[in-house]
Amino acid sequence: MQIGSLIAVAVIGIVAGWLASFIVGGGGLIKYLIWGVLGSVVGGVVLPLFGVNINTGTPLLDTILVATIGAVLLVLVARLIA
């Protein structure tokens, strides 16, 4: 993976984690990054399983929304377990 791709993943992860924090609670920059990046993987797997297709016409916005939904799901599951 090139450095530009890593930076893009980090920025999308931070934005998605930050948005998720508004829905399920706060955190710091590192938490935003972790929840956002992991959320993008979870959202990318879970949403298609339920037949959800997010298409706003803007691929970047689609990616951020999928990552945010995944991050929200991860945080809620983590709270149920802990």
PDB file of N, CA and C in Angstrom:
ATOM      1  N   MET A   1       0.847  -1.172   0.000  1.00  0.00           N
ATOM      2  CA  MET A   1       0.000   0.000   0.000  1.00  0.00           C
ATOM      3  C   MET A   1       0.893   1.237   0.000  1.00  0.00           C
ATOM      4  N   GLN A   2       0.574   2.196  -0.828  1.00  0.00           N
ATOM      5  CA  GLN A   2       1.364   3.412  -0.919  1.00  0.00           C
ATOM      6  C   GLN A   2       1.005   4.374   0.206  1.00  0.00           C
ATOM      7  N   ILE A   3       1.884   5.317   0.443  1.00  0.00           N
ATOM      8  CA  ILE A   3       1.693   6.256   1.542  1.00  0.00           C
ATOM      9  C   ILE A   3       0.426   7.091   1.341  1.00  0.00           C
ATOM     10  N   GLY A   4       0.116   7.446   0.121  1.00  0.00           N
ATOM     11  CA  GLY A   4      -1.101   8.212  -0.152  1.00  0.00           C
ATOM     12  C   GLY A   4      -2.353   7.437   0.214  1.00  0.00           C
ATOM     13  N   SER A   5      -2.335   6.132  -0.059  1.00  0.00           N
ATOM     14  CA  SER A   5      -3.471   5.279   0.292  1.00  0.00           C
ATOM     15  C   SER A   5      -3.621   5.156   1.795  1.00  0.00           C
ATOM     16  N   LEU A   6      -2.503   5.026   2.496  1.00  0.00           N
ATOM     17  CA  LEU A   6      -2.551   4.937   3.952  1.00  0.00           C
ATOM     18  C   LEU A   6      -3.092   6.217   4.567  1.00  0.00           C
ATOM     19  N   ILE A   7      -2.689   7.343   4.018  1.00  0.00           N
ATOM     20  CA  ILE A   7      -3.186   8.624   4.522  1.00  0.00           C
ATOM     21  C   ILE A   7      -4.691   8.736   4.267  1.00  0.00           C
ATOM     22  N   ALA A   8      -5.137   8.309   3.089  1.00  0.00           N
ATOM     23  CA  ALA A   8      -6.568   8.359   2.765  1.00  0.00           C
ATOM     24  C   ALA A   8      -7.366   7.480   3.716  1.00  0.00           C
ATOM     25  N   VAL A   9      -6.873   6.276   3.995  1.00  0.00           N
ATOM     26  CA  VAL A   9      -7.551   5.371   4.924  1.00  0.00           C
ATOM     27  C   VAL A   9      -7.617   5.999   6.314  1.00  0.00           C
ATOM     28  N   ALA A  10      -6.526   6.607   6.751  1.00  0.00           N
ATOM     29  CA  ALA A  10      -6.500   7.237   8.077  1.00  0.00           C
ATOM     30  C   ALA A  10      -7.483   8.399   8.152  1.00  0.00           C
ATOM     31  N   VAL A  11      -7.518   9.238   7.130  1.00  0.00           N
ATOM     32  CA  VAL A  11      -8.415  10.393   7.147  1.00  0.00           C
ATOM     33  C   VAL A  11      -9.876   9.934   7.120  1.00  0.00           C
ATOM     34  N   ILE A  12     -10.198   8.978   6.261  1.00  0.00           N
ATOM     35  CA  ILE A  12     -11.567   8.450   6.210  1.00  0.00           C
ATOM     36  C   ILE A  12     -11.928   7.799   7.538  1.00  0.00           C
ATOM     37  N   GLY A  13     -10.997   7.069   8.129  1.00  0.00           N
ATOM     38  CA  GLY A  13     -11.236   6.450   9.426  1.00  0.00           C
ATOM     39  C   GLY A  13     -11.494   7.464  10.523  1.00  0.00           C
ATOM     40  N   ILE A  14     -10.723   8.539  10.531  1.00  0.00           N
ATOM     41  CA  ILE A  14     -10.914   9.578  11.546  1.00  0.00           C
ATOM     42  C   ILE A  14     -12.267  10.255  11.371  1.00  0.00           C
ATOM     43  N   VAL A  15     -12.619  10.571  10.140  1.00  0.00           N
ATOM     44  CA  VAL A  15     -13.911  11.222   9.885  1.00  0.00           C
ATOM     45  C   VAL A  15     -15.058  10.296  10.273  1.00  0.00           C
ATOM     46  N   ALA A  16     -14.973   9.033   9.871  1.00  0.00           N
ATOM     47  CA  ALA A  16     -16.028   8.070  10.190  1.00  0.00           C
ATOM     48  C   ALA A  16     -16.134   7.857  11.697  1.00  0.00           C
ATOM     49  N   GLY A  17     -15.014   7.726  12.384  1.00  0.00           N
ATOM     50  CA  GLY A  17     -15.030   7.571  13.844  1.00  0.00           C
ATOM     51  C   GLY A  17     -15.586   8.793  14.541  1.00  0.00           C
ATOM     52  N   TRP A  18     -15.263   9.967  14.015  1.00  0.00           N
ATOM     53  CA  TRP A  18     -15.765  11.214  14.580  1.00  0.00           C
ATOM     54  C   TRP A  18     -17.283  11.302  14.418  1.00  0.00           C
ATOM     55  N   LEU A  19     -17.776  10.940  13.235  1.00  0.00           N
ATOM     56  CA  LEU A  19     -19.222  10.932  13.013  1.00  0.00           C
ATOM     57  C   LEU A  19     -19.914   9.909  13.905  1.00  0.00           C
ATOM     58  N   ALA A  20     -19.308   8.744  14.044  1.00  0.00           N
ATOM     59  CA  ALA A  20     -19.885   7.703  14.897  1.00  0.00           C
ATOM     60  C   ALA A  20     -19.932   8.158  16.348  1.00  0.00           C
ATOM     61  N   SER A  21     -18.956   8.971  16.765  1.00  0.00           N
ATOM     62  CA  SER A  21     -18.938   9.449  18.150  1.00  0.00           C
ATOM     63  C   SER A  21     -20.136  10.341  18.451  1.00  0.00           C
ATOM     64  N   PHE A  22     -20.652  11.032  17.448  1.00  0.00           N
ATOM     65  CA  PHE A  22     -21.859  11.836  17.648  1.00  0.00           C
ATOM     66  C   PHE A  22     -23.081  10.962  17.894  1.00  0.00           C
ATOM     67  N   ILE A  23     -23.048   9.762  17.344  1.00  0.00           N
ATOM     68  CA  ILE A  23     -24.192   8.858  17.452  1.00  0.00           C
ATOM     69  C   ILE A  23     -24.133   8.035  18.733  1.00  0.00           C
ATOM     70  N   VAL A  24     -22.967   7.512  19.067  1.00  0.00           N
ATOM     71  CA  VAL A  24     -22.865   6.578  20.196  1.00  0.00           C
ATOM     72  C   VAL A  24     -21.957   7.039  21.324  1.00  0.00           C
ATOM     73  N   GLY A  25     -21.345   8.181  21.229  1.00  0.00           N
ATOM     74  CA  GLY A  25     -20.511   8.651  22.328  1.00  0.00           C
ATOM     75  C   GLY A  25     -19.139   9.085  21.866  1.00  0.00           C
ATOM     76  N   GLY A  26     -18.440   9.756  22.749  1.00  0.00           N
ATOM     77  CA  GLY A  26     -17.182  10.398  22.399  1.00  0.00           C
ATOM     78  C   GLY A  26     -15.972   9.503  22.393  1.00  0.00           C
ATOM     79  N   GLY A  27     -14.844  10.134  22.215  1.00  0.00           N
ATOM     80  CA  GLY A  27     -13.558   9.452  22.180  1.00  0.00           C
ATOM     81  C   GLY A  27     -12.495  10.437  21.752  1.00  0.00           C
ATOM     82  N   GLY A  28     -11.296   9.973  21.647  1.00  0.00           N
ATOM     83  CA  GLY A  28     -10.205  10.820  21.194  1.00  0.00           C
ATOM     84  C   GLY A  28      -9.828  10.508  19.764  1.00  0.00           C
ATOM     85  N   LEU A  29      -8.836  11.210  19.260  1.00  0.00           N
ATOM     86  CA  LEU A  29      -8.401  11.054  17.875  1.00  0.00           C
ATOM     87  C   LEU A  29      -7.999   9.615  17.562  1.00  0.00           C
ATOM     88  N   ILE A  30      -7.280   8.982  18.454  1.00  0.00           N
ATOM     89  CA  ILE A  30      -6.846   7.603  18.221  1.00  0.00           C
ATOM     90  C   ILE A  30      -8.059   6.665  18.195  1.00  0.00           C
ATOM     91  N   LYS A  31      -9.000   6.871  19.107  1.00  0.00           N
ATOM     92  CA  LYS A  31     -10.217   6.053  19.100  1.00  0.00           C
ATOM     93  C   LYS A  31     -10.993   6.258  17.815  1.00  0.00           C
ATOM     94  N   TYR A  32     -11.091   7.502  17.353  1.00  0.00           N
ATOM     95  CA  TYR A  32     -11.790   7.773  16.100  1.00  0.00           C
ATOM     96  C   TYR A  32     -11.158   6.994  14.956  1.00  0.00           C
ATOM     97  N   LEU A  33      -9.842   7.029  14.898  1.00  0.00           N
ATOM     98  CA  LEU A  33      -9.119   6.336  13.837  1.00  0.00           C
ATOM     99  C   LEU A  33      -9.357   4.830  13.897  1.00  0.00           C
ATOM    100  N   ILE A  34      -9.219   4.263  15.083  1.00  0.00           N
ATOM    101  CA  ILE A  34      -9.383   2.812  15.234  1.00  0.00           C
ATOM    102  C   ILE A  34     -10.805   2.394  14.893  1.00  0.00           C
ATOM    103  N   TRP A  35     -11.809   3.045  15.485  1.00  0.00           N
ATOM    104  CA  TRP A  35     -13.202   2.673  15.220  1.00  0.00           C
ATOM    105  C   TRP A  35     -13.553   2.905  13.756  1.00  0.00           C
ATOM    106  N   GLY A  36     -13.060   3.981  13.184  1.00  0.00           N
ATOM    107  CA  GLY A  36     -13.372   4.284  11.788  1.00  0.00           C
ATOM    108  C   GLY A  36     -12.773   3.289  10.805  1.00  0.00           C
ATOM    109  N   VAL A  37     -11.505   2.944  10.998  1.00  0.00           N
ATOM    110  CA  VAL A  37     -10.854   1.996  10.090  1.00  0.00           C
ATOM    111  C   VAL A  37     -11.465   0.603  10.246  1.00  0.00           C
ATOM    112  N   LEU A  38     -11.634   0.157  11.484  1.00  0.00           N
ATOM    113  CA  LEU A  38     -12.273  -1.142  11.693  1.00  0.00           C
ATOM    114  C   LEU A  38     -13.729  -1.110  11.230  1.00  0.00           C
ATOM    115  N   GLY A  39     -14.374   0.025  11.432  1.00  0.00           N
ATOM    116  CA  GLY A  39     -15.760   0.170  11.002  1.00  0.00           C
ATOM    117  C   GLY A  39     -15.915   0.087   9.503  1.00  0.00           C
ATOM    118  N   SER A  40     -14.932   0.562   8.765  1.00  0.00           N
ATOM    119  CA  SER A  40     -15.024   0.466   7.309  1.00  0.00           C
ATOM    120  C   SER A  40     -14.985  -0.987   6.853  1.00  0.00           C
ATOM    121  N   VAL A  41     -14.207  -1.797   7.538  1.00  0.00           N
ATOM    122  CA  VAL A  41     -14.165  -3.225   7.207  1.00  0.00           C
ATOM    123  C   VAL A  41     -15.489  -3.886   7.574  1.00  0.00           C
ATOM    124  N   VAL A  42     -15.966  -3.622   8.777  1.00  0.00           N
ATOM    125  CA  VAL A  42     -17.231  -4.213   9.233  1.00  0.00           C
ATOM    126  C   VAL A  42     -18.389  -3.744   8.349  1.00  0.00           C
ATOM    127  N   GLY A  43     -18.461  -2.453   8.091  1.00  0.00           N
ATOM    128  CA  GLY A  43     -19.520  -1.923   7.246  1.00  0.00           C
ATOM    129  C   GLY A  43     -19.474  -2.497   5.842  1.00  0.00           C
ATOM    130  N   GLY A  44     -18.269  -2.669   5.322  1.00  0.00           N
ATOM    131  CA  GLY A  44     -18.101  -3.229   3.987  1.00  0.00           C
ATOM    132  C   GLY A  44     -18.521  -4.688   3.890  1.00  0.00           C
ATOM    133  N   VAL A  45     -18.497  -5.389   5.011  1.00  0.00           N
ATOM    134  CA  VAL A  45     -18.906  -6.800   5.027  1.00  0.00           C
ATOM    135  C   VAL A  45     -20.379  -6.942   5.411  1.00  0.00           C
ATOM    136  N   VAL A  46     -20.795  -6.234   6.450  1.00  0.00           N
ATOM    137  CA  VAL A  46     -22.142  -6.416   7.007  1.00  0.00           C
ATOM    138  C   VAL A  46     -23.238  -5.818   6.122  1.00  0.00           C
ATOM    139  N   LEU A  47     -23.031  -4.621   5.618  1.00  0.00           N
ATOM    140  CA  LEU A  47     -24.085  -3.975   4.842  1.00  0.00           C
ATOM    141  C   LEU A  47     -24.503  -4.781   3.610  1.00  0.00           C
ATOM    142  N   PRO A  48     -23.572  -5.295   2.813  1.00  0.00           N
ATOM    143  CA  PRO A  48     -23.998  -6.113   1.677  1.00  0.00           C
ATOM    144  C   PRO A  48     -24.732  -7.395   2.094  1.00  0.00           C
ATOM    145  N   LEU A  49     -24.384  -7.937   3.264  1.00  0.00           N
ATOM    146  CA  LEU A  49     -25.082  -9.138   3.740  1.00  0.00           C
ATOM    147  C   LEU A  49     -26.563  -8.866   3.970  1.00  0.00           C
ATOM    148  N   PHE A  50     -26.890  -7.632   4.352  1.00  0.00           N
ATOM    149  CA  PHE A  50     -28.280  -7.252   4.584  1.00  0.00           C
ATOM    150  C   PHE A  50     -28.904  -6.581   3.359  1.00  0.00           C
ATOM    151  N   GLY A  51     -28.189  -6.590   2.252  1.00  0.00           N
ATOM    152  CA  GLY A  51     -28.709  -6.023   1.022  1.00  0.00           C
ATOM    153  C   GLY A  51     -28.719  -4.503   0.987  1.00  0.00           C
ATOM    154  N   VAL A  52     -27.926  -3.877   1.841  1.00  0.00           N
ATOM    155  CA  VAL A  52     -27.875  -2.416   1.888  1.00  0.00           C
ATOM    156  C   VAL A  52     -26.800  -1.933   0.920  1.00  0.00           C
ATOM    157  N   ASN A  53     -27.198  -1.044   0.031  1.00  0.00           N
ATOM    158  CA  ASN A  53     -26.265  -0.466  -0.933  1.00  0.00           C
ATOM    159  C   ASN A  53     -26.345   1.048  -0.813  1.00  0.00           C
ATOM    160  N   ILE A  54     -25.290   1.664  -0.335  1.00  0.00           N
ATOM    161  CA  ILE A  54     -25.272   3.112  -0.179  1.00  0.00           C
ATOM    162  C   ILE A  54     -24.669   3.699  -1.444  1.00  0.00           C
ATOM    163  N   ASN A  55     -25.464   4.526  -2.122  1.00  0.00           N
ATOM    164  CA  ASN A  55     -25.005   5.151  -3.353  1.00  0.00           C
ATOM    165  C   ASN A  55     -25.519   6.583  -3.401  1.00  0.00           C
ATOM    166  N   THR A  56     -24.683   7.500  -2.936  1.00  0.00           N
ATOM    167  CA  THR A  56     -25.056   8.910  -2.939  1.00  0.00           C
ATOM    168  C   THR A  56     -24.616   9.599  -4.225  1.00  0.00           C
ATOM    169  N   GLY A  57     -23.851   8.895  -5.036  1.00  0.00           N
ATOM    170  CA  GLY A  57     -23.304   9.500  -6.245  1.00  0.00           C
ATOM    171  C   GLY A  57     -21.897  10.027  -6.044  1.00  0.00           C
ATOM    172  N   THR A  58     -21.443  10.018  -4.803  1.00  0.00           N
ATOM    173  CA  THR A  58     -20.090  10.470  -4.474  1.00  0.00           C
ATOM    174  C   THR A  58     -19.369   9.330  -3.760  1.00  0.00           C
ATOM    175  N   PRO A  59     -18.421   8.681  -4.425  1.00  0.00           N
ATOM    176  CA  PRO A  59     -17.746   7.526  -3.817  1.00  0.00           C
ATOM    177  C   PRO A  59     -17.104   7.813  -2.453  1.00  0.00           C
ATOM    178  N   LEU A  60     -16.528   8.990  -2.278  1.00  0.00           N
ATOM    179  CA  LEU A  60     -15.911   9.319  -0.991  1.00  0.00           C
ATOM    180  C   LEU A  60     -16.963   9.369   0.112  1.00  0.00           C
ATOM    181  N   LEU A  61     -18.089  10.004  -0.158  1.00  0.00           N
ATOM    182  CA  LEU A  61     -19.165  10.065   0.827  1.00  0.00           C
ATOM    183  C   LEU A  61     -19.717   8.673   1.114  1.00  0.00           C
ATOM    184  N   ASP A  62     -19.844   7.846   0.087  1.00  0.00           N
ATOM    185  CA  ASP A  62     -20.306   6.466   0.278  1.00  0.00           C
ATOM    186  C   ASP A  62     -19.375   5.722   1.229  1.00  0.00           C
ATOM    187  N   THR A  63     -18.084   5.861   1.006  1.00  0.00           N
ATOM    188  CA  THR A  63     -17.092   5.188   1.845  1.00  0.00           C
ATOM    189  C   THR A  63     -17.174   5.674   3.286  1.00  0.00           C
ATOM    190  N   ILE A  64     -17.310   6.968   3.477  1.00  0.00           N
ATOM    191  CA  ILE A  64     -17.404   7.521   4.831  1.00  0.00           C
ATOM    192  C   ILE A  64     -18.671   7.030   5.523  1.00  0.00           C
ATOM    193  N   LEU A  65     -19.789   6.982   4.813  1.00  0.00           N
ATOM    194  CA  LEU A  65     -21.044   6.513   5.412  1.00  0.00           C
ATOM    195  C   LEU A  65     -20.973   5.037   5.797  1.00  0.00           C
ATOM    196  N   VAL A  66     -20.405   4.215   4.918  1.00  0.00           N
ATOM    197  CA  VAL A  66     -20.258   2.787   5.229  1.00  0.00           C
ATOM    198  C   VAL A  66     -19.354   2.603   6.445  1.00  0.00           C
ATOM    199  N   ALA A  67     -18.251   3.335   6.492  1.00  0.00           N
ATOM    200  CA  ALA A  67     -17.331   3.239   7.628  1.00  0.00           C
ATOM    201  C   ALA A  67     -17.989   3.723   8.910  1.00  0.00           C
ATOM    202  N   THR A  68     -18.786   4.775   8.824  1.00  0.00           N
ATOM    203  CA  THR A  68     -19.470   5.304  10.005  1.00  0.00           C
ATOM    204  C   THR A  68     -20.482   4.297  10.538  1.00  0.00           C
ATOM    205  N   ILE A  69     -21.263   3.716   9.654  1.00  0.00           N
ATOM    206  CA  ILE A  69     -22.246   2.702  10.074  1.00  0.00           C
ATOM    207  C   ILE A  69     -21.528   1.515  10.706  1.00  0.00           C
ATOM    208  N   GLY A  70     -20.440   1.076  10.099  1.00  0.00           N
ATOM    209  CA  GLY A  70     -19.663  -0.024  10.670  1.00  0.00           C
ATOM    210  C   GLY A  70     -19.085   0.324  12.028  1.00  0.00           C
ATOM    211  N   ALA A  71     -18.595   1.554  12.177  1.00  0.00           N
ATOM    212  CA  ALA A  71     -18.036   1.988  13.461  1.00  0.00           C
ATOM    213  C   ALA A  71     -19.109   2.034  14.537  1.00  0.00           C
ATOM    214  N   VAL A  72     -20.297   2.518  14.186  1.00  0.00           N
ATOM    215  CA  VAL A  72     -21.408   2.547  15.146  1.00  0.00           C
ATOM    216  C   VAL A  72     -21.751   1.126  15.576  1.00  0.00           C
ATOM    217  N   LEU A  73     -21.828   0.219  14.625  1.00  0.00           N
ATOM    218  CA  LEU A  73     -22.117  -1.182  14.959  1.00  0.00           C
ATOM    219  C   LEU A  73     -21.045  -1.768  15.883  1.00  0.00           C
ATOM    220  N   LEU A  74     -19.786  -1.496  15.580  1.00  0.00           N
ATOM    221  CA  LEU A  74     -18.691  -2.004  16.419  1.00  0.00           C
ATOM    222  C   LEU A  74     -18.772  -1.469  17.844  1.00  0.00           C
ATOM    223  N   VAL A  75     -19.022  -0.186  17.982  1.00  0.00           N
ATOM    224  CA  VAL A  75     -19.077   0.413  19.315  1.00  0.00           C
ATOM    225  C   VAL A  75     -20.252  -0.190  20.100  1.00  0.00           C
ATOM    226  N   LEU A  76     -21.402  -0.344  19.450  1.00  0.00           N
ATOM    227  CA  LEU A  76     -22.563  -0.909  20.147  1.00  0.00           C
ATOM    228  C   LEU A  76     -22.311  -2.353  20.571  1.00  0.00           C
ATOM    229  N   VAL A  77     -21.700  -3.140  19.705  1.00  0.00           N
ATOM    230  CA  VAL A  77     -21.379  -4.529  20.064  1.00  0.00           C
ATOM    231  C   VAL A  77     -20.353  -4.567  21.196  1.00  0.00           C
ATOM    232  N   ALA A  78     -19.356  -3.695  21.122  1.00  0.00           N
ATOM    233  CA  ALA A  78     -18.343  -3.645  22.187  1.00  0.00           C
ATOM    234  C   ALA A  78     -18.963  -3.279  23.524  1.00  0.00           C
ATOM    235  N   ARG A  79     -19.941  -2.388  23.509  1.00  0.00           N
ATOM    236  CA  ARG A  79     -20.606  -2.012  24.751  1.00  0.00           C
ATOM    237  C   ARG A  79     -21.465  -3.146  25.300  1.00  0.00           C
ATOM    238  N   LEU A  80     -22.044  -3.936  24.424  1.00  0.00           N
ATOM    239  CA  LEU A  80     -22.825  -5.074  24.870  1.00  0.00           C
ATOM    240  C   LEU A  80     -21.958  -6.135  25.513  1.00  0.00           C
ATOM    241  N   ILE A  81     -20.763  -6.319  24.974  1.00  0.00           N
ATOM    242  CA  ILE A  81     -19.842  -7.334  25.478  1.00  0.00           C
ATOM    243  C   ILE A  81     -19.194  -6.889  26.785  1.00  0.00           C
ATOM    244  N   ALA A  82     -18.793  -5.634  26.868  1.00  0.00           N
ATOM    245  CA  ALA A  82     -18.053  -5.142  28.040  1.00  0.00           C
ATOM    246  C   ALA A  82     -18.960  -4.827  29.208  1.00  0.00           C
TER     247      ALA A  82
END
